[in-house]
Amino acid sequence: MLHSNIKAFKCSSCSKEYKERRTYEIHLTRVHGIGNAKVPVREKKYLLAKEVGHARKGGADF
């Protein structure tokens, strides 16, 4: 069913539709506060230029 465009899980609170049950359950929990699905937490990862190996214009190091 992953390769079809059939979206079997329809939200009764809004007009969103989902292919996968897990994605639908996360939507219900995150957007509508319904259920207790474990919502993945995204972490932003920032890299400093010196960690990547870049130098400022003019050749000065950090």
N, C-alpha and C. Protein backbone atom coordinates (compact mmCIF):
# COMPACT_ATOMS: atom_id res chain seq x y z
N MET A 1 0.81 -1.20 0.00
CA MET A 1 0.00 0.00 0.00
C MET A 1 0.85 1.26 0.00
N LEU A 2 2.12 1.15 0.25
CA LEU A 2 2.98 2.32 0.27
C LEU A 2 3.15 2.97 -1.09
N HIS A 3 3.01 2.20 -2.17
CA HIS A 3 3.23 2.75 -3.49
C HIS A 3 1.97 3.26 -4.16
N SER A 4 0.85 3.21 -3.47
CA SER A 4 -0.39 3.71 -4.05
C SER A 4 -0.66 5.12 -3.52
N ASN A 5 -1.58 5.81 -4.14
CA ASN A 5 -1.94 7.15 -3.71
C ASN A 5 -3.20 7.14 -2.86
N ILE A 6 -3.62 5.99 -2.40
CA ILE A 6 -4.81 5.88 -1.57
C ILE A 6 -4.50 6.36 -0.17
N LYS A 7 -5.28 7.31 0.29
CA LYS A 7 -5.11 7.85 1.64
C LYS A 7 -6.30 7.38 2.47
N ALA A 8 -6.10 6.27 3.16
CA ALA A 8 -7.18 5.60 3.87
C ALA A 8 -7.52 6.23 5.21
N PHE A 9 -6.62 7.05 5.77
CA PHE A 9 -6.84 7.61 7.10
C PHE A 9 -7.22 9.07 6.97
N LYS A 10 -8.48 9.37 7.26
CA LYS A 10 -9.01 10.73 7.10
C LYS A 10 -9.34 11.32 8.46
N CYS A 11 -8.88 12.53 8.69
CA CYS A 11 -9.12 13.21 9.96
C CYS A 11 -10.55 13.73 9.98
N SER A 12 -11.26 13.41 11.05
CA SER A 12 -12.65 13.86 11.15
C SER A 12 -12.74 15.30 11.67
N SER A 13 -11.63 15.83 12.19
CA SER A 13 -11.62 17.20 12.72
C SER A 13 -11.24 18.24 11.67
N CYS A 14 -10.49 17.81 10.65
CA CYS A 14 -10.12 18.71 9.56
C CYS A 14 -10.11 17.90 8.26
N SER A 15 -9.69 18.46 7.20
CA SER A 15 -9.78 17.77 5.90
C SER A 15 -8.52 17.02 5.50
N LYS A 16 -7.59 16.82 6.40
CA LYS A 16 -6.33 16.15 6.06
C LYS A 16 -6.53 14.65 5.91
N GLU A 17 -5.75 14.07 4.99
CA GLU A 17 -5.79 12.63 4.73
C GLU A 17 -4.37 12.09 4.73
N TYR A 18 -4.20 10.86 5.19
CA TYR A 18 -2.89 10.25 5.32
C TYR A 18 -2.87 8.84 4.78
N LYS A 19 -1.72 8.45 4.23
CA LYS A 19 -1.53 7.08 3.74
C LYS A 19 -1.25 6.13 4.89
N GLU A 20 -0.46 6.59 5.85
CA GLU A 20 -0.02 5.71 6.92
C GLU A 20 -0.71 6.04 8.24
N ARG A 21 -1.07 5.00 8.98
CA ARG A 21 -1.76 5.16 10.26
C ARG A 21 -0.91 5.93 11.26
N ARG A 22 0.38 5.65 11.31
CA ARG A 22 1.29 6.31 12.24
C ARG A 22 1.31 7.82 12.02
N THR A 23 1.40 8.25 10.78
CA THR A 23 1.40 9.67 10.45
C THR A 23 0.08 10.32 10.86
N TYR A 24 -1.01 9.62 10.63
CA TYR A 24 -2.34 10.08 11.01
C TYR A 24 -2.45 10.25 12.53
N GLU A 25 -1.94 9.27 13.28
CA GLU A 25 -1.99 9.33 14.74
C GLU A 25 -1.14 10.48 15.28
N ILE A 26 0.02 10.71 14.68
CA ILE A 26 0.87 11.83 15.09
C ILE A 26 0.15 13.15 14.82
N HIS A 27 -0.52 13.25 13.68
CA HIS A 27 -1.31 14.45 13.36
C HIS A 27 -2.37 14.71 14.42
N LEU A 28 -3.11 13.66 14.77
CA LEU A 28 -4.17 13.82 15.77
C LEU A 28 -3.62 14.33 17.09
N THR A 29 -2.50 13.78 17.52
CA THR A 29 -1.90 14.17 18.79
C THR A 29 -1.33 15.58 18.72
N ARG A 30 -0.56 15.88 17.68
CA ARG A 30 0.11 17.17 17.56
C ARG A 30 -0.87 18.32 17.31
N VAL A 31 -1.77 18.14 16.38
CA VAL A 31 -2.64 19.24 15.95
C VAL A 31 -3.91 19.36 16.80
N HIS A 32 -4.53 18.24 17.12
CA HIS A 32 -5.83 18.27 17.79
C HIS A 32 -5.78 17.85 19.26
N GLY A 33 -4.64 17.34 19.73
CA GLY A 33 -4.52 16.91 21.11
C GLY A 33 -5.30 15.65 21.43
N ILE A 34 -5.57 14.85 20.41
CA ILE A 34 -6.33 13.61 20.57
C ILE A 34 -5.36 12.44 20.56
N GLY A 35 -5.48 11.53 21.52
CA GLY A 35 -4.64 10.35 21.55
C GLY A 35 -3.34 10.61 22.29
N ASN A 36 -2.48 9.59 22.28
CA ASN A 36 -1.22 9.71 22.99
C ASN A 36 -0.06 9.16 22.16
N ALA A 37 -0.08 9.41 20.87
CA ALA A 37 0.99 8.95 19.99
C ALA A 37 2.29 9.65 20.37
N LYS A 38 3.38 8.93 20.28
CA LYS A 38 4.69 9.50 20.57
C LYS A 38 5.08 10.39 19.40
N VAL A 39 5.15 11.68 19.64
CA VAL A 39 5.46 12.65 18.60
C VAL A 39 6.97 12.84 18.54
N PRO A 40 7.58 12.61 17.37
CA PRO A 40 9.02 12.78 17.26
C PRO A 40 9.42 14.25 17.47
N VAL A 41 10.54 14.45 18.18
CA VAL A 41 11.04 15.80 18.44
C VAL A 41 12.20 16.05 17.51
N ARG A 42 12.12 17.17 16.80
CA ARG A 42 13.20 17.52 15.88
C ARG A 42 14.18 18.44 16.59
N GLU A 43 15.46 18.13 16.43
CA GLU A 43 16.51 18.94 17.02
C GLU A 43 17.21 19.69 15.91
N LYS A 44 17.39 20.98 16.11
CA LYS A 44 18.15 21.75 15.15
C LYS A 44 19.62 21.62 15.50
N LYS A 45 20.42 21.35 14.52
CA LYS A 45 21.85 21.20 14.73
C LYS A 45 22.57 22.30 13.94
N TYR A 46 23.27 23.12 14.67
CA TYR A 46 24.01 24.21 14.05
C TYR A 46 25.49 23.88 14.07
N LEU A 47 26.16 24.16 12.98
CA LEU A 47 27.59 23.96 12.89
C LEU A 47 28.26 25.32 12.79
N LEU A 48 29.33 25.49 13.51
CA LEU A 48 30.12 26.70 13.38
C LEU A 48 31.03 26.55 12.17
N ALA A 49 31.32 27.68 11.54
CA ALA A 49 32.13 27.65 10.34
C ALA A 49 33.48 26.98 10.58
N LYS A 50 34.09 27.21 11.74
CA LYS A 50 35.40 26.60 11.99
C LYS A 50 35.30 25.08 12.14
N GLU A 51 34.14 24.58 12.56
CA GLU A 51 33.95 23.14 12.67
C GLU A 51 33.86 22.50 11.29
N VAL A 52 33.39 23.28 10.32
CA VAL A 52 33.24 22.77 8.97
C VAL A 52 34.54 22.92 8.19
N GLY A 53 35.41 23.81 8.65
CA GLY A 53 36.70 23.99 7.99
C GLY A 53 36.75 25.23 7.11
N HIS A 54 35.80 26.13 7.25
CA HIS A 54 35.79 27.35 6.46
C HIS A 54 36.57 28.43 7.19
N ALA A 55 37.10 29.36 6.44
CA ALA A 55 37.80 30.52 7.03
C ALA A 55 37.13 31.79 6.52
N ARG A 56 37.26 32.86 7.28
CA ARG A 56 36.70 34.14 6.87
C ARG A 56 37.46 34.70 5.68
N LYS A 57 36.83 35.65 4.99
CA LYS A 57 37.52 36.33 3.89
C LYS A 57 38.74 37.05 4.46
N GLY A 58 39.81 37.03 3.74
CA GLY A 58 41.02 37.66 4.20
C GLY A 58 41.96 36.67 4.87
N GLY A 59 41.56 35.43 4.99
CA GLY A 59 42.43 34.39 5.50
C GLY A 59 42.53 34.29 7.00
N ALA A 60 41.78 35.10 7.75
CA ALA A 60 41.85 35.04 9.20
C ALA A 60 41.09 33.82 9.72
N ASP A 61 41.67 33.14 10.68
CA ASP A 61 40.99 32.01 11.31
C ASP A 61 40.08 32.50 12.40
N PHE A 62 39.24 31.63 12.87
CA PHE A 62 38.31 31.98 13.94
C PHE A 62 38.98 31.95 15.26
